[in-house]
Amino acid sequence: MTPPATPSAPAGLPLALAGELRDGRHVVRVGDVEIALTNAPFHCLAELARSRLATRTGLTRPPRDCLDKASLHQVIRRLRQALDGALGPGAGRALVVHGARSAYSLAVDPAAIAIDVSLAELAPYHVAQGLVEDLMRLGRKGEAFVSGA
C-alpha cells in the first residue's frame, strides 16, 4: 500500500536524482524546486527511492552506511527539514513516511522518480556502487538535470 500523500506534497510530484554537487551538497529536484542535501540525507533519499522503485510498499530501513555518525532518525529528520525548507511545512513528513519500527517509505509514485545518467559519476566515492547501479537500472531516465546554479 502506498503511503497517503497530503496536499502539500502530492505523490505525483516528480523526484529527480542526479550526480550534481554544489558547495559539497547533493542537488536533487522535487517538482521544479532544487534542494541541496548533505551526504547522509541524500544517501538516505537514494535508498528510499531504490526501495520505492523495487518493492510494492517501498518500505525500507536504510542501511548503516548511509547514516554517517548520526542515527537513522536524525538523518530522516534532517532530510524532512530540508524538504520542508524547500517545499513548505509538512512536505518532509508527507514525502518521507514512517512505517513499522525503523522502516520508512517515500510517498512518491515510482513513475515520477527520474534518474539522471550523471548519478553514475557519484559511485563509488560519494554513493555506493550497488545503489547507483540499482537506481540506474530501476528508475526512468530523466532529461538532463540542469541546475540554476
Foldseek 3Di string as FASTA:
>chain_A
DFQAADPLAHQAFAKEAAQDDDPQFGWIDTRNWIFTHHQLLVQVVLQLLLLLLPDDHSKDQDDPVSHPPDDSVVSLVRNLVRCCVTRNPPNSCRQWDDDPDRIIHGSHRQQRYAYEPNNCVCPPPRYNNVSSVSCVVRHHHDDHDDDPD
